[in-house]
Amino acid sequence: MLKGSCNCRAVTFTVRNVIRASACHCTQCRKQSGHHWASGLVADEDLTTQGEVRWYASSDVARRGFCPTCGSFLFWKMDSEPKISFSIGLIDGPSGIRLERHIFTADKGDYYDIADDVPQREN
């Protein structure tokens, strides 16, 4: 089990059974995080939270969860799926997680290159 928290620790969470880890380069993730967003995917029942999470409907099909106190970007949730993505950068201590793919690379910023050997998907 992994434990995580936002910057101010008003929201804490635990995750288990990480399905996969991705770096998303889509425009929304870059605007929300300031760069690409590294996330782990878990089944809904494998995430528990404490503290208030505020949700923003970022599209007609998905929403983004954040801490209303410090603004940390915590979660991404597609409304129709029983899974949720969490920010790997919020894990307290070593995560043991390794990226498995880069997604939405067609939208990546022009200011950086993807320089690892992790598989890439344009969308």
Protein backbone atom coordinates (compact mmCIF):
# COMPACT_ATOMS: atom_id res chain seq x y z
CA MET A 1 0.00 0.00 0.00
CA LEU A 2 1.21 3.50 -0.87
CA LYS A 3 0.38 6.66 1.04
CA GLY A 4 0.17 10.12 -0.47
CA SER A 5 -0.81 13.65 0.39
CA CYS A 6 -1.29 17.08 -1.10
CA ASN A 7 1.20 19.88 -0.47
CA CYS A 8 -0.52 21.10 2.71
CA ARG A 9 -1.52 17.57 3.88
CA ALA A 10 -5.21 18.52 4.17
CA VAL A 11 -5.91 15.60 1.80
CA THR A 12 -4.27 12.25 2.33
CA PHE A 13 -4.86 9.04 0.42
CA THR A 14 -3.79 5.43 0.15
CA VAL A 15 -3.62 3.30 -2.98
CA ARG A 16 -3.01 -0.37 -3.59
CA ASN A 17 -2.82 -2.58 -6.66
CA VAL A 18 -1.56 -0.01 -9.16
CA ILE A 19 -2.66 -1.15 -12.62
CA ARG A 20 -0.21 0.96 -14.64
CA ALA A 21 1.66 4.25 -14.64
CA SER A 22 1.57 6.83 -17.42
CA ALA A 23 2.95 10.25 -18.25
CA CYS A 24 0.22 12.29 -19.93
CA HIS A 25 1.29 15.09 -22.26
CA CYS A 26 -2.20 16.37 -23.19
CA THR A 27 -2.88 20.08 -23.06
CA GLN A 28 -5.18 19.83 -20.03
CA CYS A 29 -2.63 17.89 -17.96
CA ARG A 30 0.15 20.29 -18.95
CA LYS A 31 -2.00 23.29 -17.97
CA GLN A 32 -3.08 21.67 -14.69
CA SER A 33 0.38 20.48 -13.64
CA GLY A 34 2.75 22.88 -15.40
CA HIS A 35 4.38 20.04 -17.36
CA HIS A 36 3.34 16.49 -18.22
CA TRP A 37 1.43 14.62 -15.49
CA ALA A 38 2.68 11.30 -14.10
CA SER A 39 -0.16 9.19 -12.77
CA GLY A 40 -0.92 5.74 -11.49
CA LEU A 41 -4.20 4.02 -12.31
CA VAL A 42 -6.14 2.01 -9.70
CA ALA A 43 -9.60 0.54 -9.36
CA ASP A 44 -11.98 2.85 -7.48
CA GLU A 45 -12.06 0.50 -4.50
CA ASP A 46 -8.24 0.58 -4.25
CA LEU A 47 -8.15 4.30 -3.42
CA THR A 48 -9.15 5.75 -0.08
CA THR A 49 -9.05 9.45 0.75
CA GLN A 50 -9.27 11.55 3.86
CA GLY A 51 -10.00 15.27 3.72
CA GLU A 52 -12.03 17.32 1.26
CA VAL A 53 -11.40 16.77 -2.45
CA ARG A 54 -12.92 19.34 -4.78
CA TRP A 55 -13.82 18.19 -8.29
CA TYR A 56 -13.64 20.14 -11.55
CA ALA A 57 -15.51 18.85 -14.64
CA SER A 58 -12.70 19.26 -17.15
CA SER A 59 -14.73 17.78 -20.02
CA ASP A 60 -18.08 16.14 -20.71
CA VAL A 61 -16.62 12.74 -19.73
CA ALA A 62 -13.99 13.34 -17.02
CA ARG A 63 -13.21 15.35 -13.93
CA ARG A 64 -10.12 16.37 -11.98
CA GLY A 65 -9.81 16.29 -8.20
CA PHE A 66 -7.74 18.82 -6.29
CA CYS A 67 -7.16 20.07 -2.76
CA PRO A 68 -9.31 23.16 -2.10
CA THR A 69 -6.72 24.51 0.37
CA CYS A 70 -3.39 24.27 -1.49
CA GLY A 71 -4.62 23.52 -5.03
CA SER A 72 -2.59 20.32 -5.52
CA PHE A 73 -3.79 18.31 -8.54
CA LEU A 74 -4.66 14.93 -7.00
CA PHE A 75 -6.84 12.79 -9.25
CA TRP A 76 -8.27 12.33 -12.73
CA LYS A 77 -11.49 10.34 -13.12
CA MET A 78 -13.37 9.30 -16.25
CA ASP A 79 -17.02 9.32 -15.22
CA SER A 80 -17.93 6.07 -16.99
CA GLU A 81 -15.07 3.89 -15.68
CA PRO A 82 -14.57 2.20 -12.29
CA LYS A 83 -10.93 3.37 -12.18
CA ILE A 84 -9.17 6.54 -11.05
CA SER A 85 -5.75 8.05 -11.71
CA PHE A 86 -3.69 9.56 -8.90
CA SER A 87 -0.66 11.82 -9.06
CA ILE A 88 2.49 9.76 -8.52
CA GLY A 89 4.32 12.90 -7.41
CA LEU A 90 2.13 13.03 -4.29
CA ILE A 91 3.31 9.69 -2.92
CA ASP A 92 5.03 10.19 0.43
CA GLY A 93 8.38 8.40 0.17
CA PRO A 94 9.53 5.92 -2.46
CA SER A 95 6.75 4.63 -4.71
CA GLY A 96 8.45 1.75 -6.49
CA ILE A 97 6.37 2.74 -9.53
CA ARG A 98 7.92 2.93 -13.01
CA LEU A 99 6.33 4.64 -16.00
CA GLU A 100 4.95 2.20 -18.54
CA ARG A 101 3.86 4.62 -21.25
CA HIS A 102 3.68 8.20 -22.45
CA ILE A 103 0.23 9.21 -23.71
CA PHE A 104 -1.04 12.10 -25.83
CA THR A 105 2.48 12.76 -27.09
CA ALA A 106 1.04 14.53 -30.16
CA ASP A 107 0.05 17.33 -27.75
CA LYS A 108 3.35 17.58 -25.84
CA GLY A 109 4.97 20.94 -25.31
CA ASP A 110 7.62 22.13 -27.75
CA TYR A 111 10.00 23.02 -24.90
CA TYR A 112 10.99 19.43 -24.03
CA ASP A 113 11.85 16.07 -25.56
CA ILE A 114 10.82 12.64 -24.36
CA ALA A 115 14.22 11.07 -23.93
CA ASP A 116 13.53 7.70 -22.32
CA ASP A 117 12.73 4.32 -23.83
CA VAL A 118 9.19 4.13 -22.43
CA PRO A 119 6.61 3.40 -25.17
CA GLN A 120 4.78 6.42 -26.58
CA ARG A 121 1.19 6.79 -27.78
CA GLU A 122 0.10 9.85 -29.78
CA ASN A 123 -3.40 9.90 -28.24
